[in-house]
Amino acid sequence: MQTYLQSLLQKDEYFLNNMTGSLGMYNEATIYFLPTYKYIKQQKNYDTKRTPSWCDRILFHSADPKKIVVLKYWDVDCYQSDHKPVSGAFKVLLKTEDPDRKKKLL
């Protein structure tokens, strides 16, 4: 399935724009799920009048890319709309203050 997804993703609009640099500041986790659009509402079937695509995604940005770690990126098994939602779990490393150290500096 991964080879099939890679061939689809090579034609993906975000992927193509990212290659030209127009969205280069944003990152996305590796996609391991089928396109999230366009479904027939309340069915698990694609609407064949439209080309399936990944319209629903999570993009992120950090000045230091090591500070955002993708734990999981997946599609949600929900068919209420013509879009299938996606979800992600991330570990974000934040700078914290040490109150004792701060007092010593003041």
C-alpha atoms as a PDB file:
ATOM      1  CA  MET A   1       0.000   0.000   0.000  1.00  0.00           C
ATOM      2  CA  GLN A   2       2.898   2.393   0.729  1.00  0.00           C
ATOM      3  CA  THR A   3       4.029   2.336  -2.943  1.00  0.00           C
ATOM      4  CA  TYR A   4       0.443   3.130  -4.008  1.00  0.00           C
ATOM      5  CA  LEU A   5       0.274   6.029  -1.523  1.00  0.00           C
ATOM      6  CA  GLN A   6       3.649   7.365  -2.688  1.00  0.00           C
ATOM      7  CA  SER A   7       2.464   7.431  -6.307  1.00  0.00           C
ATOM      8  CA  LEU A   8      -0.691   9.340  -5.269  1.00  0.00           C
ATOM      9  CA  LEU A   9       1.229  11.746  -3.039  1.00  0.00           C
ATOM     10  CA  GLN A  10       3.588  12.686  -5.887  1.00  0.00           C
ATOM     11  CA  LYS A  11       0.551  14.319  -7.534  1.00  0.00           C
ATOM     12  CA  ASP A  12      -0.713  15.901  -4.318  1.00  0.00           C
ATOM     13  CA  GLU A  13      -1.129  19.687  -4.508  1.00  0.00           C
ATOM     14  CA  TYR A  14       0.490  20.383  -1.123  1.00  0.00           C
ATOM     15  CA  PHE A  15       3.426  18.121  -1.966  1.00  0.00           C
ATOM     16  CA  LEU A  16       3.924  19.874  -5.321  1.00  0.00           C
ATOM     17  CA  ASN A  17       3.673  23.353  -3.755  1.00  0.00           C
ATOM     18  CA  ASN A  18       6.049  22.356  -0.991  1.00  0.00           C
ATOM     19  CA  MET A  19       8.572  21.229  -3.607  1.00  0.00           C
ATOM     20  CA  THR A  20       8.540  24.725  -5.158  1.00  0.00           C
ATOM     21  CA  GLY A  21       9.016  26.353  -1.764  1.00  0.00           C
ATOM     22  CA  SER A  22       5.708  28.233  -1.520  1.00  0.00           C
ATOM     23  CA  LEU A  23       4.756  26.304   1.627  1.00  0.00           C
ATOM     24  CA  GLY A  24       8.260  25.261   2.589  1.00  0.00           C
ATOM     25  CA  MET A  25       8.122  26.640   6.121  1.00  0.00           C
ATOM     26  CA  TYR A  26       5.466  24.106   7.113  1.00  0.00           C
ATOM     27  CA  ASN A  27       5.957  20.450   7.928  1.00  0.00           C
ATOM     28  CA  GLU A  28       3.617  17.495   7.782  1.00  0.00           C
ATOM     29  CA  ALA A  29       4.033  14.008   9.145  1.00  0.00           C
ATOM     30  CA  THR A  30       4.341  11.144   6.692  1.00  0.00           C
ATOM     31  CA  ILE A  31       0.917  10.139   5.389  1.00  0.00           C
ATOM     32  CA  TYR A  32       0.048   6.459   5.760  1.00  0.00           C
ATOM     33  CA  PHE A  33      -3.685   6.784   5.038  1.00  0.00           C
ATOM     34  CA  LEU A  34      -5.809   7.029   1.908  1.00  0.00           C
ATOM     35  CA  PRO A  35      -7.107  10.390   0.626  1.00  0.00           C
ATOM     36  CA  THR A  36      -9.588  12.091   2.950  1.00  0.00           C
ATOM     37  CA  TYR A  37     -11.761  13.729   0.283  1.00  0.00           C
ATOM     38  CA  LYS A  38     -14.228  13.414  -1.493  1.00  0.00           C
ATOM     39  CA  TYR A  39     -16.511  10.840   0.069  1.00  0.00           C
ATOM     40  CA  ILE A  40     -20.174  10.275  -0.542  1.00  0.00           C
ATOM     41  CA  LYS A  41     -21.716  11.604   2.663  1.00  0.00           C
ATOM     42  CA  GLN A  42     -22.290   8.942   5.312  1.00  0.00           C
ATOM     43  CA  GLN A  43     -20.664   6.252   3.132  1.00  0.00           C
ATOM     44  CA  LYS A  44     -17.191   4.732   2.937  1.00  0.00           C
ATOM     45  CA  ASN A  45     -17.103   5.268  -0.839  1.00  0.00           C
ATOM     46  CA  TYR A  46     -15.401   8.010  -2.815  1.00  0.00           C
ATOM     47  CA  ASP A  47     -17.450  10.312  -5.000  1.00  0.00           C
ATOM     48  CA  THR A  48     -16.080   9.369  -8.432  1.00  0.00           C
ATOM     49  CA  LYS A  49     -17.044  12.759  -9.896  1.00  0.00           C
ATOM     50  CA  ARG A  50     -14.051  14.256  -8.048  1.00  0.00           C
ATOM     51  CA  THR A  51     -10.436  13.178  -7.772  1.00  0.00           C
ATOM     52  CA  PRO A  52      -9.725  11.849  -4.267  1.00  0.00           C
ATOM     53  CA  SER A  53      -7.231  14.024  -2.410  1.00  0.00           C
ATOM     54  CA  TRP A  54      -5.842  14.922   1.005  1.00  0.00           C
ATOM     55  CA  CYS A  55      -7.743  18.111   1.823  1.00  0.00           C
ATOM     56  CA  ASP A  56      -7.647  17.502   5.543  1.00  0.00           C
ATOM     57  CA  ARG A  57      -4.187  17.624   7.080  1.00  0.00           C
ATOM     58  CA  ILE A  58      -2.172  18.936   9.972  1.00  0.00           C
ATOM     59  CA  LEU A  59       0.678  21.278   9.122  1.00  0.00           C
ATOM     60  CA  PHE A  60       3.073  22.596  11.745  1.00  0.00           C
ATOM     61  CA  HIS A  61       6.049  24.913  12.026  1.00  0.00           C
ATOM     62  CA  SER A  62       8.773  25.560  14.546  1.00  0.00           C
ATOM     63  CA  ALA A  63      11.975  27.593  14.389  1.00  0.00           C
ATOM     64  CA  ASP A  64      13.644  24.471  15.769  1.00  0.00           C
ATOM     65  CA  PRO A  65      12.198  21.375  14.023  1.00  0.00           C
ATOM     66  CA  LYS A  66      13.546  19.096  16.785  1.00  0.00           C
ATOM     67  CA  LYS A  67      11.075  20.655  19.230  1.00  0.00           C
ATOM     68  CA  ILE A  68       8.014  19.086  17.576  1.00  0.00           C
ATOM     69  CA  VAL A  69       7.939  15.302  17.424  1.00  0.00           C
ATOM     70  CA  VAL A  70       5.125  13.536  15.588  1.00  0.00           C
ATOM     71  CA  LEU A  71       3.925  10.579  17.621  1.00  0.00           C
ATOM     72  CA  LYS A  72       1.077   9.553  15.331  1.00  0.00           C
ATOM     73  CA  TYR A  73      -0.821  10.922  12.308  1.00  0.00           C
ATOM     74  CA  TRP A  74      -3.978   9.163  11.169  1.00  0.00           C
ATOM     75  CA  ASP A  75      -7.377   9.481   9.531  1.00  0.00           C
ATOM     76  CA  VAL A  76     -10.491   9.172  11.671  1.00  0.00           C
ATOM     77  CA  ASP A  77     -13.076   6.565  10.727  1.00  0.00           C
ATOM     78  CA  CYS A  78     -15.966   9.043  10.448  1.00  0.00           C
ATOM     79  CA  TYR A  79     -18.139   9.556   7.389  1.00  0.00           C
ATOM     80  CA  GLN A  80     -20.584  12.317   8.381  1.00  0.00           C
ATOM     81  CA  SER A  81     -19.298  14.669   5.693  1.00  0.00           C
ATOM     82  CA  ASP A  82     -17.626  14.451   2.281  1.00  0.00           C
ATOM     83  CA  HIS A  83     -14.339  15.008   4.164  1.00  0.00           C
ATOM     84  CA  LYS A  84     -12.772  12.404   6.427  1.00  0.00           C
ATOM     85  CA  PRO A  85     -11.131  14.079   9.444  1.00  0.00           C
ATOM     86  CA  VAL A  86      -7.519  13.548  10.440  1.00  0.00           C
ATOM     87  CA  SER A  87      -5.917  13.598  13.846  1.00  0.00           C
ATOM     88  CA  GLY A  88      -2.416  13.778  15.191  1.00  0.00           C
ATOM     89  CA  ALA A  89      -0.494  13.290  18.391  1.00  0.00           C
ATOM     90  CA  PHE A  90       2.596  15.424  18.924  1.00  0.00           C
ATOM     91  CA  LYS A  91       5.241  15.929  21.563  1.00  0.00           C
ATOM     92  CA  VAL A  92       6.116  19.623  21.793  1.00  0.00           C
ATOM     93  CA  LEU A  93       9.196  20.601  23.751  1.00  0.00           C
ATOM     94  CA  LEU A  94       8.681  23.926  25.501  1.00  0.00           C
ATOM     95  CA  LYS A  95      11.102  26.199  27.240  1.00  0.00           C
ATOM     96  CA  THR A  96      10.413  26.316  30.971  1.00  0.00           C
ATOM     97  CA  GLU A  97      11.514  28.806  33.583  1.00  0.00           C
ATOM     98  CA  ASP A  98      13.301  27.825  36.758  1.00  0.00           C
ATOM     99  CA  PRO A  99      11.953  30.257  39.400  1.00  0.00           C
ATOM    100  CA  ASP A 100      14.938  29.683  41.722  1.00  0.00           C
ATOM    101  CA  ARG A 101      17.421  30.390  38.945  1.00  0.00           C
ATOM    102  CA  LYS A 102      15.461  33.491  37.934  1.00  0.00           C
ATOM    103  CA  LYS A 103      15.613  34.858  41.527  1.00  0.00           C
ATOM    104  CA  LYS A 104      19.388  34.418  41.560  1.00  0.00           C
ATOM    105  CA  LEU A 105      19.738  36.430  38.350  1.00  0.00           C
ATOM    106  CA  LEU A 106      17.632  39.308  39.685  1.00  0.00           C
END
